């Protein structure tokens, strides 16, 4: 027994509330187990237990041109990219739009010749012809 002058420490080892639920497969080592028993997958991993590697690889999911779907590990590609890993550039069906947006060459025709503006065309029409030999 303890006497009135003795110091006594009471240690309790309990938590209020429910204990955390275990996560499936301990999140396969590729995520963090949440208190509610669900996994929060690390970058590049997906699935209920973080066992699915995202397309394009865990180090570079979706090749940096999309978002990994956390349910199935498939890529949702950014605009202008396509394919399983988002590595293929999508080319618009309108070639002039493609040139303007991607190549920055809206004023060029097939063969790379630049369309003359009105002043250049007028000056060419007024210029004397060179003598023929």
N, C-alpha and C. Protein backbone atom coordinates (compact mmCIF):
# COMPACT_ATOMS: atom_id res chain seq x y z
N UNK A 1 0.77 -1.17 0.00
CA UNK A 1 0.00 0.00 0.00
C UNK A 1 0.83 1.25 0.00
N UNK A 2 0.22 2.29 -0.39
CA UNK A 2 0.85 3.60 -0.45
C UNK A 2 0.45 4.41 0.77
N UNK A 3 1.38 5.18 1.24
CA UNK A 3 1.10 6.07 2.35
C UNK A 3 0.76 7.44 1.81
N UNK A 4 0.18 8.25 2.61
CA UNK A 4 -0.27 9.57 2.17
C UNK A 4 0.85 10.42 1.61
N UNK A 5 2.05 10.24 2.02
CA UNK A 5 3.16 11.06 1.54
C UNK A 5 3.80 10.54 0.28
N UNK A 6 3.48 9.31 -0.16
CA UNK A 6 4.08 8.73 -1.36
C UNK A 6 3.46 9.35 -2.62
N UNK A 7 4.31 9.54 -3.62
CA UNK A 7 3.82 10.04 -4.91
C UNK A 7 3.47 8.85 -5.78
N UNK A 8 2.30 8.90 -6.35
CA UNK A 8 1.82 7.78 -7.16
C UNK A 8 1.50 8.30 -8.56
N UNK A 9 1.97 7.60 -9.57
CA UNK A 9 1.66 7.95 -10.96
C UNK A 9 0.69 6.92 -11.50
N UNK A 10 -0.33 7.40 -12.15
CA UNK A 10 -1.29 6.51 -12.77
C UNK A 10 -1.10 6.62 -14.28
N UNK A 11 -0.84 5.52 -14.90
CA UNK A 11 -0.61 5.50 -16.34
C UNK A 11 -1.76 4.72 -16.97
N UNK A 12 -2.35 5.31 -17.97
CA UNK A 12 -3.41 4.61 -18.67
C UNK A 12 -3.00 4.44 -20.12
N UNK A 13 -3.34 3.35 -20.67
CA UNK A 13 -2.97 3.05 -22.04
C UNK A 13 -4.24 2.74 -22.83
N UNK A 14 -5.04 3.75 -23.04
CA UNK A 14 -6.26 3.55 -23.82
C UNK A 14 -6.52 4.80 -24.63
N UNK A 15 -7.28 4.62 -25.74
CA UNK A 15 -7.67 5.73 -26.62
C UNK A 15 -9.17 5.89 -26.55
N UNK A 16 -9.59 7.12 -26.65
CA UNK A 16 -11.02 7.36 -26.74
C UNK A 16 -11.45 7.11 -28.17
N UNK A 17 -12.57 6.54 -28.37
CA UNK A 17 -13.07 6.28 -29.71
C UNK A 17 -12.70 4.89 -30.17
N UNK A 18 -13.00 4.63 -31.41
CA UNK A 18 -12.75 3.31 -31.98
C UNK A 18 -11.29 3.17 -32.39
N UNK A 19 -10.77 1.97 -32.31
CA UNK A 19 -9.41 1.76 -32.81
C UNK A 19 -9.41 1.86 -34.33
N UNK A 20 -8.28 2.20 -34.93
CA UNK A 20 -8.24 2.30 -36.39
C UNK A 20 -8.48 0.94 -37.04
N UNK A 21 -9.14 0.96 -38.18
CA UNK A 21 -9.39 -0.28 -38.92
C UNK A 21 -8.12 -0.63 -39.69
N UNK A 22 -7.85 -1.90 -39.83
CA UNK A 22 -6.68 -2.29 -40.63
C UNK A 22 -6.96 -2.04 -42.11
N UNK A 23 -5.93 -1.68 -42.85
CA UNK A 23 -6.07 -1.44 -44.29
C UNK A 23 -5.82 -2.73 -45.06
N UNK A 24 -6.43 -2.86 -46.23
CA UNK A 24 -6.23 -4.07 -47.02
C UNK A 24 -4.77 -4.21 -47.44
N UNK A 25 -4.20 -5.37 -47.14
CA UNK A 25 -2.82 -5.69 -47.52
C UNK A 25 -1.81 -4.65 -47.06
N UNK A 26 -2.16 -3.92 -46.00
CA UNK A 26 -1.30 -2.85 -45.48
C UNK A 26 -0.90 -1.88 -46.60
N UNK A 27 -1.84 -1.63 -47.50
CA UNK A 27 -1.66 -0.72 -48.65
C UNK A 27 -0.49 -1.15 -49.55
N UNK A 28 -0.16 -2.43 -49.51
CA UNK A 28 0.89 -3.02 -50.36
C UNK A 28 2.23 -2.31 -50.23
N UNK A 29 2.40 -1.53 -49.18
CA UNK A 29 3.65 -0.79 -49.02
C UNK A 29 3.76 0.42 -49.93
N UNK A 30 2.66 0.75 -50.63
CA UNK A 30 2.67 1.86 -51.60
C UNK A 30 1.70 2.97 -51.23
N UNK A 31 1.37 3.07 -49.95
CA UNK A 31 0.44 4.11 -49.53
C UNK A 31 0.36 4.19 -48.02
N UNK A 32 -0.46 5.11 -47.56
CA UNK A 32 -0.64 5.34 -46.12
C UNK A 32 -2.02 4.85 -45.71
N UNK A 33 -2.08 4.12 -44.62
CA UNK A 33 -3.33 3.60 -44.10
C UNK A 33 -4.05 4.71 -43.33
N UNK A 34 -5.28 4.99 -43.70
CA UNK A 34 -6.08 6.01 -43.04
C UNK A 34 -6.81 5.40 -41.85
N UNK A 35 -7.23 6.22 -40.91
CA UNK A 35 -7.91 5.77 -39.70
C UNK A 35 -9.18 4.96 -40.00
N UNK A 36 -9.81 5.27 -41.13
CA UNK A 36 -11.06 4.58 -41.47
C UNK A 36 -10.82 3.25 -42.20
N UNK A 37 -9.56 2.86 -42.35
CA UNK A 37 -9.25 1.58 -42.98
C UNK A 37 -9.09 1.63 -44.48
N UNK A 38 -9.04 2.82 -45.06
CA UNK A 38 -8.81 2.96 -46.50
C UNK A 38 -7.37 3.40 -46.74
N UNK A 39 -6.89 3.11 -47.93
CA UNK A 39 -5.52 3.48 -48.30
C UNK A 39 -5.50 4.81 -49.05
N UNK A 40 -4.51 5.61 -48.76
CA UNK A 40 -4.22 6.81 -49.55
C UNK A 40 -2.93 6.49 -50.28
N UNK A 41 -3.04 6.20 -51.57
CA UNK A 41 -1.91 5.71 -52.35
C UNK A 41 -0.88 6.79 -52.62
N UNK A 42 0.38 6.36 -52.65
CA UNK A 42 1.48 7.26 -53.00
C UNK A 42 1.39 7.57 -54.50
N UNK A 43 2.07 8.62 -54.92
CA UNK A 43 2.10 9.03 -56.33
C UNK A 43 2.54 7.83 -57.17
N UNK A 44 1.78 7.56 -58.23
CA UNK A 44 2.11 6.49 -59.15
C UNK A 44 1.49 5.15 -58.82
N UNK A 45 0.68 5.09 -57.75
CA UNK A 45 0.03 3.85 -57.36
C UNK A 45 -1.47 4.06 -57.23
N UNK A 46 -2.25 3.00 -57.47
CA UNK A 46 -3.71 3.10 -57.44
C UNK A 46 -4.31 1.79 -56.94
N UNK A 47 -5.63 1.79 -56.79
CA UNK A 47 -6.37 0.62 -56.36
C UNK A 47 -6.73 0.71 -54.89
N UNK A 48 -7.66 -0.14 -54.47
CA UNK A 48 -8.12 -0.09 -53.09
C UNK A 48 -7.00 -0.41 -52.10
N UNK A 49 -5.98 -1.17 -52.57
CA UNK A 49 -4.86 -1.53 -51.70
C UNK A 49 -3.52 -1.03 -52.24
N UNK A 50 -3.57 -0.09 -53.18
CA UNK A 50 -2.37 0.55 -53.76
C UNK A 50 -1.45 -0.45 -54.44
N UNK A 51 -2.00 -1.50 -55.02
CA UNK A 51 -1.17 -2.52 -55.67
C UNK A 51 -1.06 -2.32 -57.17
N UNK A 52 -1.84 -1.39 -57.73
CA UNK A 52 -1.81 -1.15 -59.18
C UNK A 52 -0.85 -0.01 -59.51
N UNK A 53 0.16 -0.30 -60.30
CA UNK A 53 1.07 0.75 -60.73
C UNK A 53 0.41 1.52 -61.87
N UNK A 54 0.45 2.83 -61.79
CA UNK A 54 -0.16 3.66 -62.81
C UNK A 54 0.54 3.45 -64.16
N UNK A 55 -0.23 3.58 -65.23
CA UNK A 55 0.34 3.47 -66.58
C UNK A 55 1.43 4.52 -66.74
N UNK A 56 2.52 4.12 -67.34
CA UNK A 56 3.66 5.02 -67.48
C UNK A 56 4.69 4.80 -66.38
N UNK A 57 4.32 4.05 -65.34
CA UNK A 57 5.23 3.74 -64.25
C UNK A 57 5.02 4.63 -63.05
N UNK A 58 5.37 4.11 -61.88
CA UNK A 58 5.17 4.85 -60.63
C UNK A 58 6.05 6.09 -60.57
N UNK A 59 7.23 6.04 -61.18
CA UNK A 59 8.14 7.18 -61.13
C UNK A 59 7.66 8.33 -62.01
N UNK A 60 6.93 8.02 -63.08
CA UNK A 60 6.46 9.05 -64.01
C UNK A 60 5.06 8.68 -64.51
N UNK A 61 4.05 8.70 -63.62
CA UNK A 61 2.72 8.26 -64.04
C UNK A 61 2.17 9.08 -65.20
N UNK A 62 1.59 8.37 -66.14
CA UNK A 62 0.98 8.99 -67.34
C UNK A 62 1.98 9.85 -68.09
N UNK A 63 3.24 9.52 -67.99
CA UNK A 63 4.33 10.21 -68.69
C UNK A 63 4.34 11.71 -68.43
N UNK A 64 3.74 12.13 -67.33
CA UNK A 64 3.70 13.55 -66.99
C UNK A 64 2.69 14.34 -67.78
N UNK A 65 1.86 13.65 -68.58
CA UNK A 65 0.87 14.34 -69.43
C UNK A 65 -0.55 13.89 -69.14
N UNK A 66 -0.81 13.54 -67.87
CA UNK A 66 -2.16 13.11 -67.51
C UNK A 66 -2.25 12.84 -66.02
N UNK A 67 -3.42 12.33 -65.61
CA UNK A 67 -3.69 12.03 -64.21
C UNK A 67 -4.01 10.55 -64.09
N UNK A 68 -3.44 9.91 -63.10
CA UNK A 68 -3.68 8.49 -62.86
C UNK A 68 -5.02 8.34 -62.13
N UNK A 69 -5.92 7.52 -62.69
CA UNK A 69 -7.19 7.22 -62.05
C UNK A 69 -6.90 6.35 -60.84
N UNK A 70 -7.25 6.81 -59.65
CA UNK A 70 -6.92 6.09 -58.42
C UNK A 70 -7.69 4.79 -58.24
N UNK A 71 -8.71 4.54 -59.04
CA UNK A 71 -9.46 3.30 -58.94
C UNK A 71 -8.80 2.17 -59.72
N UNK A 72 -8.42 2.46 -60.99
CA UNK A 72 -7.92 1.38 -61.85
C UNK A 72 -6.50 1.58 -62.37
N UNK A 73 -5.87 2.72 -62.09
CA UNK A 73 -4.50 2.97 -62.53
C UNK A 73 -4.37 3.40 -63.97
N UNK A 74 -5.50 3.60 -64.66
CA UNK A 74 -5.46 4.04 -66.06
C UNK A 74 -5.31 5.55 -66.11
N UNK A 75 -4.75 6.03 -67.22
CA UNK A 75 -4.48 7.46 -67.37
C UNK A 75 -5.68 8.21 -67.93
N UNK A 76 -5.87 9.40 -67.42
CA UNK A 76 -6.80 10.38 -67.99
C UNK A 76 -5.89 11.46 -68.55
N UNK A 77 -5.70 11.45 -69.88
CA UNK A 77 -4.69 12.29 -70.52
C UNK A 77 -5.10 13.76 -70.57
N UNK A 78 -4.08 14.63 -70.49
CA UNK A 78 -4.28 16.06 -70.66
C UNK A 78 -4.67 16.33 -72.12
N UNK A 79 -5.27 17.50 -72.37
CA UNK A 79 -5.60 17.90 -73.73
C UNK A 79 -4.35 17.87 -74.59
N UNK A 80 -4.47 17.32 -75.78
CA UNK A 80 -3.35 17.26 -76.71
C UNK A 80 -2.54 15.98 -76.61
N UNK A 81 -2.89 15.10 -75.66
CA UNK A 81 -2.17 13.84 -75.50
C UNK A 81 -3.16 12.68 -75.48
N UNK A 82 -2.68 11.51 -75.92
CA UNK A 82 -3.54 10.33 -75.99
C UNK A 82 -2.68 9.09 -75.77
N UNK A 83 -3.35 7.94 -75.73
CA UNK A 83 -2.66 6.67 -75.58
C UNK A 83 -2.70 6.18 -74.14
N UNK A 84 -2.33 4.92 -73.97
CA UNK A 84 -2.37 4.28 -72.66
C UNK A 84 -1.53 5.04 -71.64
N UNK A 85 -0.37 5.54 -72.04
CA UNK A 85 0.54 6.27 -71.15
C UNK A 85 0.54 7.77 -71.39
N UNK A 86 -0.35 8.26 -72.25
CA UNK A 86 -0.41 9.70 -72.62
C UNK A 86 0.89 10.16 -73.30
N UNK A 87 1.50 9.27 -74.08
CA UNK A 87 2.75 9.64 -74.76
C UNK A 87 2.51 10.10 -76.19
N UNK A 88 1.35 9.80 -76.76
CA UNK A 88 1.08 10.17 -78.15
C UNK A 88 0.46 11.55 -78.22
N UNK A 89 1.03 12.41 -79.05
CA UNK A 89 0.47 13.75 -79.27
C UNK A 89 -0.73 13.62 -80.19
N UNK A 90 -1.82 14.27 -79.81
CA UNK A 90 -2.99 14.30 -80.68
C UNK A 90 -2.85 15.45 -81.65
N UNK A 91 -3.06 15.18 -82.92
CA UNK A 91 -2.99 16.21 -83.94
C UNK A 91 -4.42 16.55 -84.36
N UNK A 92 -4.80 17.83 -84.29
CA UNK A 92 -6.15 18.20 -84.72
C UNK A 92 -6.37 17.86 -86.18
N UNK A 93 -7.60 17.62 -86.57
CA UNK A 93 -7.91 17.31 -87.96
C UNK A 93 -7.72 18.54 -88.84
N UNK A 94 -7.82 19.73 -88.29
CA UNK A 94 -7.60 20.96 -89.04
C UNK A 94 -6.10 21.26 -89.03
N UNK A 95 -5.43 21.04 -90.17
CA UNK A 95 -3.98 21.20 -90.26
C UNK A 95 -3.57 22.64 -89.97
N UNK A 96 -4.35 23.61 -90.43
CA UNK A 96 -3.99 25.01 -90.17
C UNK A 96 -4.05 25.33 -88.68
N UNK A 97 -5.03 24.75 -87.98
CA UNK A 97 -5.11 24.95 -86.53
C UNK A 97 -3.89 24.34 -85.86
N UNK A 98 -3.48 23.16 -86.33
CA UNK A 98 -2.30 22.49 -85.77
C UNK A 98 -1.06 23.37 -85.96
N UNK A 99 -0.90 23.89 -87.17
CA UNK A 99 0.26 24.75 -87.43
C UNK A 99 0.26 25.99 -86.54
N UNK A 100 -0.92 26.59 -86.40
CA UNK A 100 -1.01 27.81 -85.60
C UNK A 100 -0.75 27.53 -84.12
N UNK A 101 -1.34 26.50 -83.59
CA UNK A 101 -1.25 26.22 -82.16
C UNK A 101 0.06 25.57 -81.75
N UNK A 102 0.53 24.61 -82.51
CA UNK A 102 1.69 23.82 -82.12
C UNK A 102 2.97 24.32 -82.78
N UNK A 103 2.92 24.53 -84.06
CA UNK A 103 4.14 24.91 -84.79
C UNK A 103 4.36 26.42 -84.84
N UNK A 104 3.31 27.19 -84.62
CA UNK A 104 3.44 28.65 -84.69
C UNK A 104 3.65 29.14 -86.11
N UNK A 105 3.11 28.43 -87.10
CA UNK A 105 3.33 28.79 -88.50
C UNK A 105 2.01 28.95 -89.24
N UNK A 106 1.14 29.76 -88.72
CA UNK A 106 -0.20 29.91 -89.31
C UNK A 106 -0.16 30.51 -90.70
N UNK A 107 0.85 31.32 -91.04
CA UNK A 107 0.88 32.00 -92.33
C UNK A 107 1.65 31.24 -93.40
N UNK A 108 2.00 29.99 -93.15
CA UNK A 108 2.75 29.23 -94.14
C UNK A 108 1.83 28.30 -94.89
N UNK A 109 2.12 28.13 -96.18
CA UNK A 109 1.37 27.21 -97.03
C UNK A 109 2.14 25.90 -97.12
N UNK A 110 1.56 24.94 -97.83
CA UNK A 110 2.25 23.67 -98.08
C UNK A 110 3.58 23.99 -98.76
N UNK A 111 4.60 23.24 -98.44
CA UNK A 111 5.91 23.46 -99.04
C UNK A 111 6.71 24.51 -98.32
N UNK A 112 6.17 25.13 -97.29
CA UNK A 112 6.91 26.09 -96.49
C UNK A 112 7.00 27.49 -97.08
N UNK A 113 6.29 27.79 -98.19
CA UNK A 113 6.33 29.13 -98.77
C UNK A 113 5.36 30.01 -98.03
N UNK A 114 5.81 31.20 -97.67
CA UNK A 114 4.96 32.13 -96.93
C UNK A 114 4.02 32.84 -97.90
N UNK A 115 2.79 33.00 -97.46
CA UNK A 115 1.82 33.72 -98.28
C UNK A 115 2.22 35.19 -98.33
N UNK A 116 2.24 35.80 -99.52
CA UNK A 116 2.58 37.22 -99.59
C UNK A 116 1.44 38.07 -99.05
N UNK A 117 1.82 39.16 -98.37
CA UNK A 117 0.77 40.07 -97.91
C UNK A 117 0.39 40.98 -99.07
N UNK A 118 -0.60 41.83 -98.92
CA UNK A 118 -1.13 42.66 -100.01
C UNK A 118 -0.07 43.61 -100.56
N UNK A 119 0.74 44.24 -99.70
CA UNK A 119 1.76 45.20 -100.16
C UNK A 119 2.83 44.51 -100.98
N UNK A 120 3.25 43.32 -100.60
CA UNK A 120 4.27 42.58 -101.34
C UNK A 120 3.73 42.16 -102.69
N UNK A 121 2.50 41.72 -102.77
CA UNK A 121 1.89 41.30 -104.03
C UNK A 121 1.75 42.49 -104.98
N UNK A 122 1.37 43.66 -104.46
CA UNK A 122 1.20 44.85 -105.29
C UNK A 122 2.55 45.30 -105.84
N UNK A 123 3.60 45.29 -105.02
CA UNK A 123 4.92 45.71 -105.46
C UNK A 123 5.46 44.76 -106.53
N UNK A 124 5.20 43.49 -106.42
CA UNK A 124 5.66 42.52 -107.40
C UNK A 124 4.96 42.73 -108.73
N UNK A 125 3.70 43.14 -108.71
CA UNK A 125 2.94 43.36 -109.94
C UNK A 125 3.44 44.60 -110.68
N UNK A 126 3.91 45.61 -109.96
CA UNK A 126 4.37 46.86 -110.58
C UNK A 126 5.82 46.79 -111.03
N UNK A 127 6.59 45.85 -110.60
CA UNK A 127 8.01 45.76 -110.93
C UNK A 127 8.18 45.40 -112.39
N UNK A 128 9.19 46.05 -113.07
CA UNK A 128 9.41 45.73 -114.50
C UNK A 128 9.99 44.31 -114.62
N UNK A 129 9.66 43.68 -115.75
CA UNK A 129 10.16 42.33 -115.99
C UNK A 129 11.62 42.41 -116.36
N UNK A 130 12.38 41.43 -115.98
CA UNK A 130 13.79 41.37 -116.33
C UNK A 130 13.90 40.97 -117.80
N UNK A 131 14.89 41.52 -118.51
CA UNK A 131 15.04 41.16 -119.94
C UNK A 131 15.41 39.69 -120.09
N UNK A 132 14.85 39.06 -121.12
CA UNK A 132 15.12 37.67 -121.36
C UNK A 132 16.34 37.54 -122.27
N UNK A 133 17.10 36.52 -122.08
CA UNK A 133 18.30 36.35 -122.89
C UNK A 133 18.08 35.50 -124.07
